[in-house]
């Protein structure tokens, strides 16, 4: 039987290693922020970034920064940006974060009509 604390420590060690490697690989390179609402292709863009060799941020980790975002405290989000080269979705797509990231990197987006079309065709 595997000890649960051992499994938790192993996951944490793997995450820390992934973040450290991402930070080293993206050091000194420009940051790319793919910002869009749901069903606008941001996840597909993140996959494309990864296939092109860019280090993509760990999405679930970024989502855990929502409490900080709600307080408009972007310090940990700023540190998170050191862990990779390309980022997607939440919290970068939320209001106020966009203004913060505008000076920090390249912003990619789609027109509202394309977003609407994406929503319309998703269920089909």
PDB file of N, CA and C in Angstrom:
ATOM      1  N   UNK A   1       0.844  -1.183   0.000  1.00  0.00           N
ATOM      2  CA  UNK A   1       0.000   0.000   0.000  1.00  0.00           C
ATOM      3  C   UNK A   1       0.888   1.244   0.000  1.00  0.00           C
ATOM      4  N   UNK A   2       0.564   2.203  -0.843  1.00  0.00           N
ATOM      5  CA  UNK A   2       1.341   3.431  -0.963  1.00  0.00           C
ATOM      6  C   UNK A   2       0.828   4.450   0.050  1.00  0.00           C
ATOM      7  N   UNK A   3       1.747   5.081   0.735  1.00  0.00           N
ATOM      8  CA  UNK A   3       1.417   6.090   1.722  1.00  0.00           C
ATOM      9  C   UNK A   3       0.867   7.333   1.013  1.00  0.00           C
ATOM     10  N   UNK A   4      -0.271   7.862   1.471  1.00  0.00           N
ATOM     11  CA  UNK A   4      -0.911   9.018   0.831  1.00  0.00           C
ATOM     12  C   UNK A   4      -0.032  10.260   0.902  1.00  0.00           C
ATOM     13  N   UNK A   5       0.672  10.459   1.997  1.00  0.00           N
ATOM     14  CA  UNK A   5       1.540  11.632   2.103  1.00  0.00           C
ATOM     15  C   UNK A   5       2.707  11.533   1.128  1.00  0.00           C
ATOM     16  N   UNK A   6       3.184  10.313   0.860  1.00  0.00           N
ATOM     17  CA  UNK A   6       4.251  10.121  -0.114  1.00  0.00           C
ATOM     18  C   UNK A   6       3.778  10.516  -1.514  1.00  0.00           C
ATOM     19  N   UNK A   7       2.543  10.117  -1.862  1.00  0.00           N
ATOM     20  CA  UNK A   7       1.977  10.453  -3.167  1.00  0.00           C
ATOM     21  C   UNK A   7       1.842  11.962  -3.296  1.00  0.00           C
ATOM     22  N   UNK A   8       1.364  12.624  -2.242  1.00  0.00           N
ATOM     23  CA  UNK A   8       1.197  14.069  -2.256  1.00  0.00           C
ATOM     24  C   UNK A   8       2.545  14.765  -2.411  1.00  0.00           C
ATOM     25  N   UNK A   9       3.560  14.291  -1.700  1.00  0.00           N
ATOM     26  CA  UNK A   9       4.895  14.871  -1.805  1.00  0.00           C
ATOM     27  C   UNK A   9       5.474  14.655  -3.197  1.00  0.00           C
ATOM     28  N   UNK A  10       5.206  13.503  -3.793  1.00  0.00           N
ATOM     29  CA  UNK A  10       5.700  13.215  -5.138  1.00  0.00           C
ATOM     30  C   UNK A  10       5.053  14.141  -6.159  1.00  0.00           C
ATOM     31  N   UNK A  11       3.748  14.347  -6.044  1.00  0.00           N
ATOM     32  CA  UNK A  11       3.059  15.276  -6.952  1.00  0.00           C
ATOM     33  C   UNK A  11       3.605  16.682  -6.799  1.00  0.00           C
ATOM     34  N   UNK A  12       3.801  17.107  -5.576  1.00  0.00           N
ATOM     35  CA  UNK A  12       4.328  18.447  -5.315  1.00  0.00           C
ATOM     36  C   UNK A  12       5.736  18.584  -5.898  1.00  0.00           C
ATOM     37  N   UNK A  13       6.556  17.561  -5.726  1.00  0.00           N
ATOM     38  CA  UNK A  13       7.924  17.597  -6.257  1.00  0.00           C
ATOM     39  C   UNK A  13       7.909  17.668  -7.781  1.00  0.00           C
ATOM     40  N   UNK A  14       7.001  16.900  -8.417  1.00  0.00           N
ATOM     41  CA  UNK A  14       6.886  16.935  -9.876  1.00  0.00           C
ATOM     42  C   UNK A  14       6.452  18.311 -10.366  1.00  0.00           C
ATOM     43  N   UNK A  15       5.483  18.926  -9.660  1.00  0.00           N
ATOM     44  CA  UNK A  15       5.015  20.253 -10.034  1.00  0.00           C
ATOM     45  C   UNK A  15       6.142  21.274  -9.894  1.00  0.00           C
ATOM     46  N   UNK A  16       6.857  21.225  -8.777  1.00  0.00           N
ATOM     47  CA  UNK A  16       7.961  22.163  -8.571  1.00  0.00           C
ATOM     48  C   UNK A  16       9.042  21.988  -9.632  1.00  0.00           C
ATOM     49  N   UNK A  17       9.328  20.756  -9.995  1.00  0.00           N
ATOM     50  CA  UNK A  17      10.321  20.496 -11.044  1.00  0.00           C
ATOM     51  C   UNK A  17       9.834  21.053 -12.376  1.00  0.00           C
ATOM     52  N   UNK A  18       8.553  20.850 -12.691  1.00  0.00           N
ATOM     53  CA  UNK A  18       7.989  21.363 -13.936  1.00  0.00           C
ATOM     54  C   UNK A  18       8.067  22.886 -13.980  1.00  0.00           C
ATOM     55  N   UNK A  19       7.720  23.536 -12.869  1.00  0.00           N
ATOM     56  CA  UNK A  19       7.771  24.999 -12.814  1.00  0.00           C
ATOM     57  C   UNK A  19       9.205  25.508 -12.934  1.00  0.00           C
ATOM     58  N   UNK A  20      10.140  24.844 -12.273  1.00  0.00           N
ATOM     59  CA  UNK A  20      11.541  25.264 -12.336  1.00  0.00           C
ATOM     60  C   UNK A  20      12.105  25.110 -13.743  1.00  0.00           C
ATOM     61  N   UNK A  21      11.810  23.989 -14.384  1.00  0.00           N
ATOM     62  CA  UNK A  21      12.283  23.765 -15.747  1.00  0.00           C
ATOM     63  C   UNK A  21      11.656  24.785 -16.698  1.00  0.00           C
ATOM     64  N   UNK A  22      10.365  25.049 -16.511  1.00  0.00           N
ATOM     65  CA  UNK A  22       9.689  26.055 -17.335  1.00  0.00           C
ATOM     66  C   UNK A  22      10.295  27.431 -17.158  1.00  0.00           C
ATOM     67  N   UNK A  23      10.629  27.785 -15.916  1.00  0.00           N
ATOM     68  CA  UNK A  23      11.240  29.089 -15.638  1.00  0.00           C
ATOM     69  C   UNK A  23      12.598  29.201 -16.317  1.00  0.00           C
ATOM     70  N   UNK A  24      13.365  28.140 -16.275  1.00  0.00           N
ATOM     71  CA  UNK A  24      14.698  28.162 -16.892  1.00  0.00           C
ATOM     72  C   UNK A  24      14.581  28.241 -18.417  1.00  0.00           C
ATOM     73  N   UNK A  25      13.693  27.440 -18.992  1.00  0.00           N
ATOM     74  CA  UNK A  25      13.537  27.420 -20.454  1.00  0.00           C
ATOM     75  C   UNK A  25      12.973  28.721 -21.007  1.00  0.00           C
ATOM     76  N   UNK A  26      12.190  29.457 -20.214  1.00  0.00           N
ATOM     77  CA  UNK A  26      11.572  30.686 -20.710  1.00  0.00           C
ATOM     78  C   UNK A  26      12.298  31.951 -20.266  1.00  0.00           C
ATOM     79  N   UNK A  27      13.398  31.788 -19.572  1.00  0.00           N
ATOM     80  CA  UNK A  27      14.149  32.928 -19.064  1.00  0.00           C
ATOM     81  C   UNK A  27      14.619  33.836 -20.203  1.00  0.00           C
ATOM     82  N   UNK A  28      14.294  35.109 -20.112  1.00  0.00           N
ATOM     83  CA  UNK A  28      14.728  36.091 -21.094  1.00  0.00           C
ATOM     84  C   UNK A  28      13.959  36.090 -22.403  1.00  0.00           C
ATOM     85  N   UNK A  29      12.960  35.233 -22.528  1.00  0.00           N
ATOM     86  CA  UNK A  29      12.173  35.177 -23.759  1.00  0.00           C
ATOM     87  C   UNK A  29      10.895  35.992 -23.582  1.00  0.00           C
ATOM     88  N   UNK A  30      10.347  36.509 -24.680  1.00  0.00           N
ATOM     89  CA  UNK A  30       9.105  37.288 -24.559  1.00  0.00           C
ATOM     90  C   UNK A  30       7.945  36.408 -24.103  1.00  0.00           C
ATOM     91  N   UNK A  31       7.010  37.016 -23.413  1.00  0.00           N
ATOM     92  CA  UNK A  31       5.827  36.317 -22.916  1.00  0.00           C
ATOM     93  C   UNK A  31       4.683  36.493 -23.914  1.00  0.00           C
ATOM     94  N   UNK A  32       3.871  35.457 -24.048  1.00  0.00           N
ATOM     95  CA  UNK A  32       2.718  35.489 -24.939  1.00  0.00           C
ATOM     96  C   UNK A  32       1.488  35.162 -24.100  1.00  0.00           C
ATOM     97  N   UNK A  33       0.485  36.064 -24.149  1.00  0.00           N
ATOM     98  CA  UNK A  33      -0.750  35.859 -23.405  1.00  0.00           C
ATOM     99  C   UNK A  33      -1.881  35.677 -24.407  1.00  0.00           C
ATOM    100  N   UNK A  34      -2.510  34.528 -24.393  1.00  0.00           N
ATOM    101  CA  UNK A  34      -3.649  34.248 -25.254  1.00  0.00           C
ATOM    102  C   UNK A  34      -4.905  34.486 -24.421  1.00  0.00           C
ATOM    103  N   UNK A  35      -5.574  35.578 -24.711  1.00  0.00           N
ATOM    104  CA  UNK A  35      -6.686  36.011 -23.873  1.00  0.00           C
ATOM    105  C   UNK A  35      -7.982  35.908 -24.662  1.00  0.00           C
ATOM    106  N   UNK A  36      -8.955  35.209 -24.099  1.00  0.00           N
ATOM    107  CA  UNK A  36     -10.250  35.099 -24.754  1.00  0.00           C
ATOM    108  C   UNK A  36     -11.271  34.472 -23.839  1.00  0.00           C
ATOM    109  N   UNK A  37     -12.510  34.641 -24.179  1.00  0.00           N
ATOM    110  CA  UNK A  37     -13.591  34.020 -23.416  1.00  0.00           C
ATOM    111  C   UNK A  37     -13.664  32.535 -23.761  1.00  0.00           C
ATOM    112  N   UNK A  38     -14.521  31.822 -23.046  1.00  0.00           N
ATOM    113  CA  UNK A  38     -14.682  30.403 -23.304  1.00  0.00           C
ATOM    114  C   UNK A  38     -15.098  30.114 -24.735  1.00  0.00           C
ATOM    115  N   UNK A  39     -14.616  29.019 -25.275  1.00  0.00           N
ATOM    116  CA  UNK A  39     -14.917  28.545 -26.626  1.00  0.00           C
ATOM    117  C   UNK A  39     -14.407  29.480 -27.721  1.00  0.00           C
ATOM    118  N   UNK A  40     -13.308  30.193 -27.490  1.00  0.00           N
ATOM    119  CA  UNK A  40     -12.730  31.044 -28.526  1.00  0.00           C
ATOM    120  C   UNK A  40     -11.406  30.508 -29.037  1.00  0.00           C
ATOM    121  N   UNK A  41     -11.023  29.314 -28.613  1.00  0.00           N
ATOM    122  CA  UNK A  41      -9.816  28.700 -29.145  1.00  0.00           C
ATOM    123  C   UNK A  41      -8.572  28.885 -28.312  1.00  0.00           C
ATOM    124  N   UNK A  42      -8.685  29.400 -27.086  1.00  0.00           N
ATOM    125  CA  UNK A  42      -7.495  29.641 -26.277  1.00  0.00           C
ATOM    126  C   UNK A  42      -6.798  28.345 -25.882  1.00  0.00           C
ATOM    127  N   UNK A  43      -7.565  27.287 -25.615  1.00  0.00           N
ATOM    128  CA  UNK A  43      -6.956  26.005 -25.272  1.00  0.00           C
ATOM    129  C   UNK A  43      -6.241  25.416 -26.486  1.00  0.00           C
ATOM    130  N   UNK A  44      -6.837  25.564 -27.648  1.00  0.00           N
ATOM    131  CA  UNK A  44      -6.183  25.106 -28.880  1.00  0.00           C
ATOM    132  C   UNK A  44      -4.899  25.895 -29.130  1.00  0.00           C
ATOM    133  N   UNK A  45      -4.940  27.195 -28.849  1.00  0.00           N
ATOM    134  CA  UNK A  45      -3.738  28.012 -29.010  1.00  0.00           C
ATOM    135  C   UNK A  45      -2.649  27.556 -28.042  1.00  0.00           C
ATOM    136  N   UNK A  46      -3.028  27.225 -26.812  1.00  0.00           N
ATOM    137  CA  UNK A  46      -2.044  26.747 -25.840  1.00  0.00           C
ATOM    138  C   UNK A  46      -1.403  25.452 -26.330  1.00  0.00           C
ATOM    139  N   UNK A  47      -2.202  24.588 -26.925  1.00  0.00           N
ATOM    140  CA  UNK A  47      -1.658  23.344 -27.475  1.00  0.00           C
ATOM    141  C   UNK A  47      -0.699  23.656 -28.625  1.00  0.00           C
ATOM    142  N   UNK A  48      -1.073  24.606 -29.477  1.00  0.00           N
ATOM    143  CA  UNK A  48      -0.201  25.001 -30.591  1.00  0.00           C
ATOM    144  C   UNK A  48       1.108  25.603 -30.066  1.00  0.00           C
ATOM    145  N   UNK A  49       1.006  26.439 -29.029  1.00  0.00           N
ATOM    146  CA  UNK A  49       2.221  27.013 -28.426  1.00  0.00           C
ATOM    147  C   UNK A  49       3.155  25.905 -27.953  1.00  0.00           C
ATOM    148  N   UNK A  50       2.570  24.926 -27.301  1.00  0.00           N
ATOM    149  CA  UNK A  50       3.360  23.809 -26.784  1.00  0.00           C
ATOM    150  C   UNK A  50       4.027  23.036 -27.923  1.00  0.00           C
ATOM    151  N   UNK A  51       3.276  22.788 -28.986  1.00  0.00           N
ATOM    152  CA  UNK A  51       3.830  22.066 -30.127  1.00  0.00           C
ATOM    153  C   UNK A  51       4.918  22.868 -30.834  1.00  0.00           C
ATOM    154  N   UNK A  52       4.863  24.199 -30.725  1.00  0.00           N
ATOM    155  CA  UNK A  52       5.890  25.054 -31.318  1.00  0.00           C
ATOM    156  C   UNK A  52       7.121  25.185 -30.420  1.00  0.00           C
ATOM    157  N   UNK A  53       7.067  24.566 -29.249  1.00  0.00           N
ATOM    158  CA  UNK A  53       8.226  24.574 -28.365  1.00  0.00           C
ATOM    159  C   UNK A  53       8.204  25.622 -27.274  1.00  0.00           C
ATOM    160  N   UNK A  54       7.114  26.386 -27.160  1.00  0.00           N
ATOM    161  CA  UNK A  54       7.011  27.360 -26.086  1.00  0.00           C
ATOM    162  C   UNK A  54       6.621  26.643 -24.797  1.00  0.00           C
ATOM    163  N   UNK A  55       7.082  27.162 -23.687  1.00  0.00           N
ATOM    164  CA  UNK A  55       6.704  26.618 -22.383  1.00  0.00           C
ATOM    165  C   UNK A  55       5.363  27.251 -22.014  1.00  0.00           C
ATOM    166  N   UNK A  56       4.328  26.415 -21.852  1.00  0.00           N
ATOM    167  CA  UNK A  56       2.980  26.896 -21.547  1.00  0.00           C
ATOM    168  C   UNK A  56       2.728  26.782 -20.050  1.00  0.00           C
ATOM    169  N   UNK A  57       2.154  27.827 -19.465  1.00  0.00           N
ATOM    170  CA  UNK A  57       1.867  27.854 -18.038  1.00  0.00           C
ATOM    171  C   UNK A  57       0.891  26.772 -17.613  1.00  0.00           C
ATOM    172  N   UNK A  58       1.035  26.322 -16.383  1.00  0.00           N
ATOM    173  CA  UNK A  58       0.141  25.302 -15.822  1.00  0.00           C
ATOM    174  C   UNK A  58      -1.197  25.980 -15.508  1.00  0.00           C
ATOM    175  N   UNK A  59      -2.238  25.642 -16.287  1.00  0.00           N
ATOM    176  CA  UNK A  59      -3.506  26.350 -16.205  1.00  0.00           C
ATOM    177  C   UNK A  59      -4.189  26.226 -14.847  1.00  0.00           C
ATOM    178  N   UNK A  60      -4.241  25.037 -14.290  1.00  0.00           N
ATOM    179  CA  UNK A  60      -4.953  24.883 -13.012  1.00  0.00           C
ATOM    180  C   UNK A  60      -4.262  25.687 -11.909  1.00  0.00           C
ATOM    181  N   UNK A  61      -2.977  25.880 -12.030  1.00  0.00           N
ATOM    182  CA  UNK A  61      -2.259  26.680 -11.038  1.00  0.00           C
ATOM    183  C   UNK A  61      -2.648  28.154 -11.155  1.00  0.00           C
ATOM    184  N   UNK A  62      -2.798  28.617 -12.376  1.00  0.00           N
ATOM    185  CA  UNK A  62      -3.228  30.003 -12.595  1.00  0.00           C
ATOM    186  C   UNK A  62      -4.641  30.225 -12.057  1.00  0.00           C
ATOM    187  N   UNK A  63      -5.489  29.232 -12.227  1.00  0.00           N
ATOM    188  CA  UNK A  63      -6.865  29.354 -11.743  1.00  0.00           C
ATOM    189  C   UNK A  63      -6.929  29.442 -10.225  1.00  0.00           C
ATOM    190  N   UNK A  64      -5.936  28.927  -9.551  1.00  0.00           N
ATOM    191  CA  UNK A  64      -5.910  29.010  -8.085  1.00  0.00           C
ATOM    192  C   UNK A  64      -5.561  30.416  -7.605  1.00  0.00           C
ATOM    193  N   UNK A  65      -5.216  31.298  -8.521  1.00  0.00           N
ATOM    194  CA  UNK A  65      -4.885  32.678  -8.162  1.00  0.00           C
ATOM    195  C   UNK A  65      -6.104  33.600  -8.239  1.00  0.00           C
ATOM    196  N   UNK A  66      -7.294  33.032  -8.389  1.00  0.00           N
ATOM    197  CA  UNK A  66      -8.510  33.849  -8.504  1.00  0.00           C
ATOM    198  C   UNK A  66      -8.782  34.676  -7.259  1.00  0.00           C
ATOM    199  N   UNK A  67      -8.448  34.143  -6.097  1.00  0.00           N
ATOM    200  CA  UNK A  67      -8.652  34.915  -4.860  1.00  0.00           C
ATOM    201  C   UNK A  67      -7.789  36.179  -4.888  1.00  0.00           C
ATOM    202  N   UNK A  68      -6.558  36.019  -5.335  1.00  0.00           N
ATOM    203  CA  UNK A  68      -5.684  37.186  -5.468  1.00  0.00           C
ATOM    204  C   UNK A  68      -6.254  38.169  -6.487  1.00  0.00           C
ATOM    205  N   UNK A  69      -6.745  37.641  -7.604  1.00  0.00           N
ATOM    206  CA  UNK A  69      -7.329  38.505  -8.627  1.00  0.00           C
ATOM    207  C   UNK A  69      -8.496  39.303  -8.064  1.00  0.00           C
ATOM    208  N   UNK A  70      -9.356  38.649  -7.273  1.00  0.00           N
ATOM    209  CA  UNK A  70     -10.526  39.320  -6.705  1.00  0.00           C
ATOM    210  C   UNK A  70     -10.127  40.493  -5.812  1.00  0.00           C
ATOM    211  N   UNK A  71      -8.975  40.374  -5.182  1.00  0.00           N
ATOM    212  CA  UNK A  71      -8.470  41.466  -4.337  1.00  0.00           C
ATOM    213  C   UNK A  71      -7.619  42.456  -5.131  1.00  0.00           C
ATOM    214  N   UNK A  72      -7.456  42.200  -6.448  1.00  0.00           N
ATOM    215  CA  UNK A  72      -6.605  43.016  -7.330  1.00  0.00           C
ATOM    216  C   UNK A  72      -5.160  43.014  -6.856  1.00  0.00           C
ATOM    217  N   UNK A  73      -4.765  41.886  -6.299  1.00  0.00           N
ATOM    218  CA  UNK A  73      -3.391  41.687  -5.855  1.00  0.00           C
ATOM    219  C   UNK A  73      -2.706  40.792  -6.884  1.00  0.00           C
ATOM    220  N   UNK A  74      -1.901  41.375  -7.750  1.00  0.00           N
ATOM    221  CA  UNK A  74      -1.305  40.658  -8.867  1.00  0.00           C
ATOM    222  C   UNK A  74       0.116  40.197  -8.595  1.00  0.00           C
ATOM    223  N   UNK A  75       0.566  40.251  -7.372  1.00  0.00           N
ATOM    224  CA  UNK A  75       1.958  39.875  -7.073  1.00  0.00           C
ATOM    225  C   UNK A  75       2.243  38.412  -7.380  1.00  0.00           C
ATOM    226  N   UNK A  76       1.391  37.490  -6.922  1.00  0.00           N
ATOM    227  CA  UNK A  76       1.641  36.072  -7.191  1.00  0.00           C
ATOM    228  C   UNK A  76       1.422  35.742  -8.668  1.00  0.00           C
ATOM    229  N   UNK A  77       0.512  36.445  -9.308  1.00  0.00           N
ATOM    230  CA  UNK A  77       0.315  36.261 -10.741  1.00  0.00           C
ATOM    231  C   UNK A  77       1.564  36.702 -11.507  1.00  0.00           C
ATOM    232  N   UNK A  78       2.154  37.785 -11.063  1.00  0.00           N
ATOM    233  CA  UNK A  78       3.402  38.255 -11.669  1.00  0.00           C
ATOM    234  C   UNK A  78       4.494  37.196 -11.514  1.00  0.00           C
ATOM    235  N   UNK A  79       4.607  36.597 -10.343  1.00  0.00           N
ATOM    236  CA  UNK A  79       5.591  35.531 -10.125  1.00  0.00           C
ATOM    237  C   UNK A  79       5.272  34.305 -10.971  1.00  0.00           C
ATOM    238  N   UNK A  80       3.985  33.992 -11.112  1.00  0.00           N
ATOM    239  CA  UNK A  80       3.563  32.868 -11.944  1.00  0.00           C
ATOM    240  C   UNK A  80       4.041  33.056 -13.388  1.00  0.00           C
ATOM    241  N   UNK A  81       4.068  34.292 -13.845  1.00  0.00           N
ATOM    242  CA  UNK A  81       4.486  34.573 -15.221  1.00  0.00           C
ATOM    243  C   UNK A  81       5.958  34.237 -15.460  1.00  0.00           C
ATOM    244  N   UNK A  82       6.736  34.066 -14.420  1.00  0.00           N
ATOM    245  CA  UNK A  82       8.127  33.657 -14.580  1.00  0.00           C
ATOM    246  C   UNK A  82       8.257  32.155 -14.852  1.00  0.00           C
ATOM    247  N   UNK A  83       7.188  31.390 -14.661  1.00  0.00           N
ATOM    248  CA  UNK A  83       7.272  29.932 -14.772  1.00  0.00           C
ATOM    249  C   UNK A  83       7.117  29.417 -16.196  1.00  0.00           C
ATOM    250  N   UNK A  84       6.736  30.273 -17.137  1.00  0.00           N
ATOM    251  CA  UNK A  84       6.513  29.819 -18.509  1.00  0.00           C
ATOM    252  C   UNK A  84       6.650  30.986 -19.473  1.00  0.00           C
ATOM    253  N   UNK A  85       6.444  30.677 -20.735  1.00  0.00           N
ATOM    254  CA  UNK A  85       6.548  31.690 -21.771  1.00  0.00           C
ATOM    255  C   UNK A  85       5.184  32.056 -22.359  1.00  0.00           C
ATOM    256  N   UNK A  86       4.255  31.111 -22.395  1.00  0.00           N
ATOM    257  CA  UNK A  86       2.929  31.348 -22.964  1.00  0.00           C
ATOM    258  C   UNK A  86       1.853  31.014 -21.937  1.00  0.00           C
ATOM    259  N   UNK A  87       0.791  31.823 -21.933  1.00  0.00           N
ATOM    260  CA  UNK A  87      -0.267  31.669 -20.943  1.00  0.00           C
ATOM    261  C   UNK A  87      -1.620  31.808 -21.627  1.00  0.00           C
ATOM    262  N   UNK A  88      -2.640  31.221 -21.011  1.00  0.00           N
ATOM    263  CA  UNK A  88      -3.982  31.234 -21.591  1.00  0.00           C
ATOM    264  C   UNK A  88      -5.042  31.407 -20.512  1.00  0.00           C
ATOM    265  N   UNK A  89      -6.204  31.843 -20.947  1.00  0.00           N
ATOM    266  CA  UNK A  89      -7.427  31.853 -20.146  1.00  0.00           C
ATOM    267  C   UNK A  89      -7.305  32.529 -18.778  1.00  0.00           C
ATOM    268  N   UNK A  90      -8.021  31.973 -17.824  1.00  0.00           N
ATOM    269  CA  UNK A  90      -8.131  32.535 -16.482  1.00  0.00           C
ATOM    270  C   UNK A  90      -6.791  32.485 -15.773  1.00  0.00           C
ATOM    271  N   UNK A  91      -6.405  33.515 -15.079  1.00  0.00           N
ATOM    272  CA  UNK A  91      -7.073  34.782 -14.797  1.00  0.00           C
ATOM    273  C   UNK A  91      -6.764  35.887 -15.802  1.00  0.00           C
ATOM    274  N   UNK A  92      -6.016  35.566 -16.860  1.00  0.00           N
ATOM    275  CA  UNK A  92      -5.620  36.604 -17.811  1.00  0.00           C
ATOM    276  C   UNK A  92      -6.787  37.146 -18.617  1.00  0.00           C
ATOM    277  N   UNK A  93      -7.846  36.367 -18.790  1.00  0.00           N
ATOM    278  CA  UNK A  93      -8.999  36.810 -19.567  1.00  0.00           C
ATOM    279  C   UNK A  93     -10.000  37.607 -18.737  1.00  0.00           C
ATOM    280  N   UNK A  94      -9.765  37.731 -17.454  1.00  0.00           N
ATOM    281  CA  UNK A  94     -10.692  38.455 -16.579  1.00  0.00           C
ATOM    282  C   UNK A  94     -10.436  39.962 -16.622  1.00  0.00           C
ATOM    283  N   UNK A  95     -11.466  40.759 -16.315  1.00  0.00           N
ATOM    284  CA  UNK A  95     -11.278  42.213 -16.281  1.00  0.00           C
ATOM    285  C   UNK A  95     -10.155  42.599 -15.319  1.00  0.00           C
ATOM    286  N   UNK A  96      -9.521  43.698 -15.595  1.00  0.00           N
ATOM    287  CA  UNK A  96      -8.423  44.263 -14.810  1.00  0.00           C
ATOM    288  C   UNK A  96      -7.100  43.541 -15.070  1.00  0.00           C
ATOM    289  N   UNK A  97      -7.111  42.235 -15.222  1.00  0.00           N
ATOM    290  CA  UNK A  97      -5.873  41.518 -15.510  1.00  0.00           C
ATOM    291  C   UNK A  97      -5.394  41.886 -16.897  1.00  0.00           C
ATOM    292  N   UNK A  98      -6.315  42.027 -17.825  1.00  0.00           N
ATOM    293  CA  UNK A  98      -5.969  42.398 -19.196  1.00  0.00           C
ATOM    294  C   UNK A  98      -5.179  43.696 -19.207  1.00  0.00           C
ATOM    295  N   UNK A  99      -5.613  44.670 -18.433  1.00  0.00           N
ATOM    296  CA  UNK A  99      -4.907  45.949 -18.380  1.00  0.00           C
ATOM    297  C   UNK A  99      -3.514  45.771 -17.803  1.00  0.00           C
ATOM    298  N   UNK A 100      -3.397  44.881 -16.843  1.00  0.00           N
ATOM    299  CA  UNK A 100      -2.092  44.617 -16.227  1.00  0.00           C
ATOM    300  C   UNK A 100      -1.159  43.925 -17.205  1.00  0.00           C
ATOM    301  N   UNK A 101      -1.681  42.970 -17.995  1.00  0.00           N
ATOM    302  CA  UNK A 101      -0.834  42.203 -18.904  1.00  0.00           C
ATOM    303  C   UNK A 101      -0.535  42.946 -20.190  1.00  0.00           C
ATOM    304  N   UNK A 102      -1.285  43.979 -20.501  1.00  0.00           N
ATOM    305  CA  UNK A 102      -1.112  44.676 -21.766  1.00  0.00           C
ATOM    306  C   UNK A 102       0.324  45.157 -21.962  1.00  0.00           C
ATOM    307  N   UNK A 103       0.940  45.610 -20.905  1.00  0.00           N
ATOM    308  CA  UNK A 103       2.320  46.079 -21.003  1.00  0.00           C
ATOM    309  C   UNK A 103       3.333  44.965 -20.810  1.00  0.00           C
ATOM    310  N   UNK A 104       2.887  43.759 -20.537  1.00  0.00           N
ATOM    311  CA  UNK A 104       3.800  42.674 -20.189  1.00  0.00           C
ATOM    312  C   UNK A 104       4.069  41.702 -21.329  1.00  0.00           C
ATOM    313  N   UNK A 105       3.310  41.751 -22.416  1.00  0.00           N
ATOM    314  CA  UNK A 105       3.562  40.773 -23.469  1.00  0.00           C
ATOM    315  C   UNK A 105       2.678  40.974 -24.673  1.00  0.00           C
ATOM    316  N   UNK A 106       2.628  39.993 -25.514  1.00  0.00           N
ATOM    317  CA  UNK A 106       1.834  40.022 -26.734  1.00  0.00           C
ATOM    318  C   UNK A 106       0.439  39.516 -26.418  1.00  0.00           C
ATOM    319  N   UNK A 107      -0.555  40.240 -26.842  1.00  0.00           N
ATOM    320  CA  UNK A 107      -1.933  39.841 -26.595  1.00  0.00           C
ATOM    321  C   UNK A 107      -2.530  39.350 -27.903  1.00  0.00           C
ATOM    322  N   UNK A 108      -3.012  38.121 -27.903  1.00  0.00           N
ATOM    323  CA  UNK A 108      -3.667  37.556 -29.076  1.00  0.00           C
ATOM    324  C   UNK A 108      -5.152  37.484 -28.815  1.00  0.00           C
ATOM    325  N   UNK A 109      -5.951  37.697 -29.822  1.00  0.00           N
ATOM    326  CA  UNK A 109      -7.388  37.624 -29.611  1.00  0.00           C
ATOM    327  C   UNK A 109      -8.126  37.408 -30.910  1.00  0.00           C
ATOM    328  N   UNK A 110      -9.444  37.236 -30.784  1.00  0.00           N
ATOM    329  CA  UNK A 110     -10.311  37.080 -31.939  1.00  0.00           C
ATOM    330  C   UNK A 110     -11.438  38.083 -31.845  1.00  0.00           C
ATOM    331  N   UNK A 111     -12.017  38.419 -32.972  1.00  0.00           N
ATOM    332  CA  UNK A 111     -13.139  39.345 -32.978  1.00  0.00           C
ATOM    333  C   UNK A 111     -14.349  38.716 -32.293  1.00  0.00           C
ATOM    334  N   UNK A 112     -15.228  39.550 -31.788  1.00  0.00           N
ATOM    335  CA  UNK A 112     -16.421  39.058 -31.091  1.00  0.00           C
ATOM    336  C   UNK A 112     -17.259  38.170 -31.988  1.00  0.00           C
ATOM    337  N   UNK A 113     -17.350  38.499 -33.279  1.00  0.00           N
ATOM    338  CA  UNK A 113     -18.171  37.685 -34.169  1.00  0.00           C
ATOM    339  C   UNK A 113     -17.613  36.262 -34.280  1.00  0.00           C
ATOM    340  N   UNK A 114     -16.281  36.122 -34.303  1.00  0.00           N
ATOM    341  CA  UNK A 114     -15.683  34.785 -34.341  1.00  0.00           C
ATOM    342  C   UNK A 114     -15.978  34.041 -33.048  1.00  0.00           C
ATOM    343  N   UNK A 115     -15.963  34.757 -31.931  1.00  0.00           N
ATOM    344  CA  UNK A 115     -16.281  34.150 -30.646  1.00  0.00           C
ATOM    345  C   UNK A 115     -17.722  33.660 -30.643  1.00  0.00           C
ATOM    346  N   UNK A 116     -18.613  34.474 -31.158  1.00  0.00           N
ATOM    347  CA  UNK A 116     -20.021  34.101 -31.224  1.00  0.00           C
ATOM    348  C   UNK A 116     -20.202  32.869 -32.091  1.00  0.00           C
ATOM    349  N   UNK A 117     -19.528  32.826 -33.239  1.00  0.00           N
ATOM    350  CA  UNK A 117     -19.619  31.663 -34.124  1.00  0.00           C
ATOM    351  C   UNK A 117     -19.112  30.410 -33.414  1.00  0.00           C
ATOM    352  N   UNK A 118     -18.057  30.552 -32.636  1.00  0.00           N
ATOM    353  CA  UNK A 118     -17.516  29.411 -31.902  1.00  0.00           C
ATOM    354  C   UNK A 118     -18.556  28.856 -30.933  1.00  0.00           C
ATOM    355  N   UNK A 119     -19.266  29.744 -30.237  1.00  0.00           N
ATOM    356  CA  UNK A 119     -20.304  29.307 -29.303  1.00  0.00           C
ATOM    357  C   UNK A 119     -21.449  28.617 -30.043  1.00  0.00           C
ATOM    358  N   UNK A 120     -21.832  29.165 -31.198  1.00  0.00           N
ATOM    359  CA  UNK A 120     -22.958  28.620 -31.938  1.00  0.00           C
ATOM    360  C   UNK A 120     -22.662  27.213 -32.450  1.00  0.00           C
ATOM    361  N   UNK A 121     -21.436  26.957 -32.871  1.00  0.00           N
ATOM    362  CA  UNK A 121     -21.105  25.680 -33.480  1.00  0.00           C
ATOM    363  C   UNK A 121     -20.591  24.635 -32.465  1.00  0.00           C
ATOM    364  N   UNK A 122     -20.399  25.043 -31.226  1.00  0.00           N
ATOM    365  CA  UNK A 122     -19.844  24.128 -30.222  1.00  0.00           C
ATOM    366  C   UNK A 122     -20.780  22.962 -29.959  1.00  0.00           C
ATOM    367  N   UNK A 123     -22.073  23.228 -29.843  1.00  0.00           N
ATOM    368  CA  UNK A 123     -23.036  22.180 -29.484  1.00  0.00           C
ATOM    369  C   UNK A 123     -23.413  21.282 -30.650  1.00  0.00           C
ATOM    370  N   UNK A 124     -23.043  21.646 -31.859  1.00  0.00           N
ATOM    371  CA  UNK A 124     -23.441  20.866 -33.032  1.00  0.00           C
ATOM    372  C   UNK A 124     -22.539  19.695 -33.247  1.00  0.00           C
TER     373      UNK A 124
END
